[in-house]
Protein backbone atom coordinates (compact mmCIF):
# COMPACT_ATOMS: atom_id res chain seq x y z
CA MET A 1 -8.71 74.93 16.76
CA ARG A 2 -11.69 74.63 19.02
CA LYS A 3 -13.15 71.83 16.85
CA GLU A 4 -9.94 69.89 17.23
CA TRP A 5 -10.12 70.14 21.02
CA VAL A 6 -13.72 69.00 21.01
CA VAL A 7 -12.87 65.96 18.87
CA ILE A 8 -9.85 65.10 21.06
CA SER A 9 -11.95 65.47 24.22
CA VAL A 10 -14.76 63.23 22.90
CA VAL A 11 -12.32 60.54 21.81
CA SER A 12 -10.46 60.68 25.12
CA LEU A 13 -13.72 60.47 27.08
CA ALA A 14 -14.82 57.44 25.02
CA ILE A 15 -11.51 55.70 25.69
CA ILE A 16 -11.70 56.40 29.41
CA LEU A 17 -15.29 55.18 29.69
CA THR A 18 -14.61 51.94 27.86
CA SER A 19 -11.51 51.18 29.90
CA CYS A 20 -13.08 51.87 33.28
CA GLY A 21 -15.82 49.27 33.05
CA LYS A 22 -16.09 46.45 35.59
CA LYS A 23 -14.66 43.14 34.61
CA GLU A 24 -17.09 40.34 34.88
CA GLU A 25 -15.59 37.49 36.78
CA ALA A 26 -16.10 34.13 35.15
CA VAL A 27 -18.18 31.85 37.28
CA MET A 28 -16.13 28.75 37.90
CA GLU A 29 -18.32 25.68 38.07
CA LYS A 30 -17.19 22.58 39.87
CA PRO A 31 -15.79 20.14 37.29
CA THR A 32 -17.85 17.05 36.64
CA THR A 33 -16.34 13.88 38.05
CA ILE A 34 -16.13 10.97 35.61
CA GLN A 35 -16.21 7.47 37.05
CA GLY A 36 -14.25 4.47 35.73
CA VAL A 37 -11.31 6.34 34.22
CA LYS A 38 -7.82 5.14 35.07
CA ILE A 39 -4.92 7.60 34.92
CA GLU A 40 -1.51 6.29 33.90
CA THR A 41 1.89 7.91 33.83
CA ILE A 42 3.91 7.82 30.63
CA LYS A 43 7.44 6.43 30.76
CA LEU A 44 10.11 5.94 28.13
CA SER A 45 10.98 2.32 27.52
CA PRO A 46 13.22 0.56 24.98
CA VAL A 47 11.51 -0.93 21.95
CA GLN A 48 12.84 -3.94 20.08
CA GLU A 49 13.64 -2.88 16.52
CA ASP A 50 13.81 -6.41 15.13
CA TYR A 51 10.83 -8.61 14.43
CA GLU A 52 11.38 -12.29 13.93
CA ALA A 53 8.79 -14.34 12.08
CA VAL A 54 8.61 -17.75 10.50
CA GLY A 55 7.55 -17.94 6.88
CA THR A 56 8.25 -19.18 3.41
CA VAL A 57 9.65 -17.02 0.62
CA ARG A 58 8.43 -17.96 -2.83
CA SER A 59 9.27 -16.45 -6.19
CA LYS A 60 6.60 -15.11 -8.54
CA THR A 61 7.47 -17.67 -11.19
CA THR A 62 8.72 -21.21 -10.83
CA SER A 63 10.13 -23.70 -13.28
CA VAL A 64 10.19 -27.46 -12.92
CA LEU A 65 13.39 -28.99 -14.24
CA SER A 66 13.51 -32.54 -15.42
CA SER A 67 15.74 -34.58 -17.63
CA LYS A 68 14.62 -36.65 -20.60
CA THR A 69 17.34 -39.16 -19.79
CA VAL A 70 18.53 -40.81 -16.63
CA GLY A 71 22.12 -40.29 -15.56
CA ASN A 72 24.45 -39.05 -12.87
CA ILE A 73 24.96 -35.30 -12.52
CA LEU A 74 28.54 -34.29 -13.27
CA ALA A 75 28.33 -30.52 -12.63
CA VAL A 76 25.80 -27.93 -11.51
CA HIS A 77 26.41 -24.51 -13.10
CA VAL A 78 23.74 -22.46 -11.27
CA ARG A 79 22.41 -22.23 -7.76
CA GLU A 80 18.88 -21.87 -6.48
CA GLY A 81 17.78 -18.24 -6.85
CA ASP A 82 20.22 -17.40 -9.69
CA ARG A 83 18.89 -15.65 -12.78
CA VAL A 84 19.25 -17.74 -15.91
CA ARG A 85 19.02 -16.99 -19.61
CA THR A 86 17.34 -19.00 -22.34
CA ASP A 87 19.56 -21.86 -23.52
CA GLN A 88 21.94 -21.47 -20.57
CA LEU A 89 23.59 -24.73 -19.47
CA LEU A 90 22.29 -25.51 -15.97
CA ILE A 91 23.71 -28.98 -15.27
CA GLU A 92 25.82 -31.62 -16.96
CA ILE A 93 24.57 -35.21 -16.92
CA ASP A 94 26.83 -38.24 -17.51
CA ASP A 95 25.71 -39.60 -20.88
CA ARG A 96 27.93 -42.68 -21.16
CA ASP A 97 25.01 -45.09 -20.62
CA SER A 98 22.88 -43.25 -23.16
CA ARG A 99 25.69 -43.25 -25.74
CA ALA A 100 26.26 -46.98 -25.19
CA GLN A 101 22.58 -47.72 -25.76
CA LEU A 102 22.59 -45.55 -28.90
CA GLN A 103 25.63 -47.40 -30.30
CA LYS A 104 23.99 -50.73 -29.50
CA ALA A 105 20.80 -49.69 -31.35
CA GLN A 106 22.80 -48.42 -34.34
CA ALA A 107 24.75 -51.69 -34.46
CA GLY A 108 21.48 -53.61 -34.43
CA LEU A 109 20.26 -51.58 -37.42
CA LEU A 110 23.43 -52.34 -39.36
CA GLU A 111 23.02 -56.10 -38.85
CA VAL A 112 19.70 -56.17 -40.57
């Protein structure tokens, strides 16, 4: 029992001695002044969410369309930007002049 009291006394004395020490006060140095710095206040302000720009939109691939014959266009079946399939009819061209020339040439062959 006596050993227990000795241990308790030593521990208590150690706690008391460590808690009774003087606190060292931190030495506050004068802050260094920096020249040429501007301080601004922050304010909330509305931000425009749209951005308008001028530009040209181009597709990755382009195709040049041309006709082997000359004639008036009767109907256009697609618009610019539409997806098309192979062998899809894009436009109809009036072929009356071409047919007339073909018939004339065939008639010339028959006369020979």
